[in-house]
Amino acid sequence: MSTSKTRWQTLQQCHALAETVNGLYKTEVIHHQKPWKRMVDVELATLNWVDWFNNRRLLGSIGYVPPAEFEMAYYRNLEESAKVA
């Protein structure tokens, strides 16, 4: 019973995170840069925002580095730890 509760809580947290990111995207891109004349303009703005969010945004909780850089360092450290072990 506790396992399914944990899975349910995890699912709820994932949904909450997705809603937060979606709200941030709408605020920073969709509502801020309107009016949109063409769908391709929305698509390009979305691609640029996702690139910034993943590759250039400095995230304080991980040492003011972009998430993609932090992730690469994390996996590099895992590989190095595996070689030592």
C-alpha atoms as a PDB file:
ATOM      1  CA  MET A   1       0.000   0.000   0.000  1.00  0.00           C
ATOM      2  CA  SER A   2       2.764   2.463   0.830  1.00  0.00           C
ATOM      3  CA  THR A   3       4.490   1.801  -2.507  1.00  0.00           C
ATOM      4  CA  SER A   4       1.448   2.889  -4.510  1.00  0.00           C
ATOM      5  CA  LYS A   5       1.083   5.952  -2.283  1.00  0.00           C
ATOM      6  CA  THR A   6       4.694   6.856  -2.975  1.00  0.00           C
ATOM      7  CA  ARG A   7       4.150   6.424  -6.719  1.00  0.00           C
ATOM      8  CA  TRP A   8       1.032   8.585  -6.517  1.00  0.00           C
ATOM      9  CA  GLN A   9       2.927  11.292  -4.629  1.00  0.00           C
ATOM     10  CA  THR A  10       5.713  11.159  -7.201  1.00  0.00           C
ATOM     11  CA  LEU A  11       3.190  11.505 -10.009  1.00  0.00           C
ATOM     12  CA  GLN A  12       1.594  14.484  -8.283  1.00  0.00           C
ATOM     13  CA  GLN A  13       5.011  16.125  -7.876  1.00  0.00           C
ATOM     14  CA  CYS A  14       5.805  15.571 -11.560  1.00  0.00           C
ATOM     15  CA  HIS A  15       2.503  17.146 -12.560  1.00  0.00           C
ATOM     16  CA  ALA A  16       3.113  20.103 -10.253  1.00  0.00           C
ATOM     17  CA  LEU A  17       6.572  20.635 -11.723  1.00  0.00           C
ATOM     18  CA  ALA A  18       5.223  20.419 -15.274  1.00  0.00           C
ATOM     19  CA  GLU A  19       2.520  22.959 -14.464  1.00  0.00           C
ATOM     20  CA  THR A  20       5.116  25.301 -12.961  1.00  0.00           C
ATOM     21  CA  VAL A  21       7.376  25.119 -16.016  1.00  0.00           C
ATOM     22  CA  ASN A  22       4.385  25.504 -18.335  1.00  0.00           C
ATOM     23  CA  GLY A  23       3.263  28.607 -16.438  1.00  0.00           C
ATOM     24  CA  LEU A  24       6.766  30.059 -16.579  1.00  0.00           C
ATOM     25  CA  TYR A  25       6.918  29.427 -20.339  1.00  0.00           C
ATOM     26  CA  LYS A  26       3.529  31.051 -20.920  1.00  0.00           C
ATOM     27  CA  THR A  27       4.470  34.087 -18.838  1.00  0.00           C
ATOM     28  CA  GLU A  28       7.915  34.611 -20.377  1.00  0.00           C
ATOM     29  CA  VAL A  29       7.171  33.696 -23.986  1.00  0.00           C
ATOM     30  CA  ILE A  30       3.540  33.458 -24.983  1.00  0.00           C
ATOM     31  CA  HIS A  31       2.031  36.381 -23.067  1.00  0.00           C
ATOM     32  CA  HIS A  32       5.107  38.614 -23.007  1.00  0.00           C
ATOM     33  CA  GLN A  33       5.866  38.510 -26.738  1.00  0.00           C
ATOM     34  CA  LYS A  34       2.344  38.598 -28.186  1.00  0.00           C
ATOM     35  CA  PRO A  35       0.631  39.269 -30.534  1.00  0.00           C
ATOM     36  CA  TRP A  36       1.747  36.289 -32.587  1.00  0.00           C
ATOM     37  CA  LYS A  37       1.226  36.628 -36.324  1.00  0.00           C
ATOM     38  CA  ARG A  38       2.259  33.146 -37.451  1.00  0.00           C
ATOM     39  CA  MET A  39       2.500  29.731 -35.839  1.00  0.00           C
ATOM     40  CA  VAL A  40       6.127  29.450 -36.949  1.00  0.00           C
ATOM     41  CA  ASP A  41       6.922  32.522 -34.808  1.00  0.00           C
ATOM     42  CA  VAL A  42       5.551  30.732 -31.745  1.00  0.00           C
ATOM     43  CA  GLU A  43       7.496  27.582 -32.632  1.00  0.00           C
ATOM     44  CA  LEU A  44      10.790  29.452 -33.035  1.00  0.00           C
ATOM     45  CA  ALA A  45      10.272  31.397 -29.819  1.00  0.00           C
ATOM     46  CA  THR A  46       9.526  28.114 -28.037  1.00  0.00           C
ATOM     47  CA  LEU A  47      12.698  26.499 -29.361  1.00  0.00           C
ATOM     48  CA  ASN A  48      14.769  29.488 -28.263  1.00  0.00           C
ATOM     49  CA  TRP A  49      13.214  29.465 -24.795  1.00  0.00           C
ATOM     50  CA  VAL A  50      13.778  25.715 -24.321  1.00  0.00           C
ATOM     51  CA  ASP A  51      17.399  26.129 -25.417  1.00  0.00           C
ATOM     52  CA  TRP A  52      17.883  28.946 -22.909  1.00  0.00           C
ATOM     53  CA  PHE A  53      16.069  27.020 -20.153  1.00  0.00           C
ATOM     54  CA  ASN A  54      18.244  23.918 -20.592  1.00  0.00           C
ATOM     55  CA  ASN A  55      21.599  25.289 -21.744  1.00  0.00           C
ATOM     56  CA  ARG A  56      22.111  28.909 -20.656  1.00  0.00           C
ATOM     57  CA  ARG A  57      19.906  29.547 -17.608  1.00  0.00           C
ATOM     58  CA  LEU A  58      22.004  29.795 -14.444  1.00  0.00           C
ATOM     59  CA  LEU A  59      20.402  27.803 -11.663  1.00  0.00           C
ATOM     60  CA  GLY A  60      21.407  28.887  -8.174  1.00  0.00           C
ATOM     61  CA  SER A  61      20.506  25.627  -6.454  1.00  0.00           C
ATOM     62  CA  ILE A  62      23.202  23.805  -8.459  1.00  0.00           C
ATOM     63  CA  GLY A  63      25.962  26.407  -8.164  1.00  0.00           C
ATOM     64  CA  TYR A  64      24.902  28.965 -10.787  1.00  0.00           C
ATOM     65  CA  VAL A  65      25.642  26.736 -13.751  1.00  0.00           C
ATOM     66  CA  PRO A  66      23.272  25.774 -16.585  1.00  0.00           C
ATOM     67  CA  PRO A  67      21.325  22.535 -16.021  1.00  0.00           C
ATOM     68  CA  ALA A  68      22.860  20.823 -19.073  1.00  0.00           C
ATOM     69  CA  GLU A  69      26.375  21.585 -17.831  1.00  0.00           C
ATOM     70  CA  PHE A  70      25.533  20.269 -14.360  1.00  0.00           C
ATOM     71  CA  GLU A  71      24.083  17.084 -15.850  1.00  0.00           C
ATOM     72  CA  MET A  72      27.200  16.467 -17.970  1.00  0.00           C
ATOM     73  CA  ALA A  73      29.410  16.924 -14.884  1.00  0.00           C
ATOM     74  CA  TYR A  74      27.185  14.564 -12.888  1.00  0.00           C
ATOM     75  CA  TYR A  75      27.507  11.744 -15.428  1.00  0.00           C
ATOM     76  CA  ARG A  76      31.225  12.394 -15.882  1.00  0.00           C
ATOM     77  CA  ASN A  77      31.666  11.987 -12.106  1.00  0.00           C
ATOM     78  CA  LEU A  78      29.656   8.761 -12.173  1.00  0.00           C
ATOM     79  CA  GLU A  79      31.888   7.345 -14.911  1.00  0.00           C
ATOM     80  CA  GLU A  80      35.029   8.348 -13.014  1.00  0.00           C
ATOM     81  CA  SER A  81      33.684   6.772  -9.813  1.00  0.00           C
ATOM     82  CA  ALA A  82      32.919   3.553 -11.692  1.00  0.00           C
ATOM     83  CA  LYS A  83      36.475   3.418 -13.060  1.00  0.00           C
ATOM     84  CA  VAL A  84      37.945   3.797  -9.562  1.00  0.00           C
ATOM     85  CA  ALA A  85      35.686   1.094  -8.107  1.00  0.00           C
END
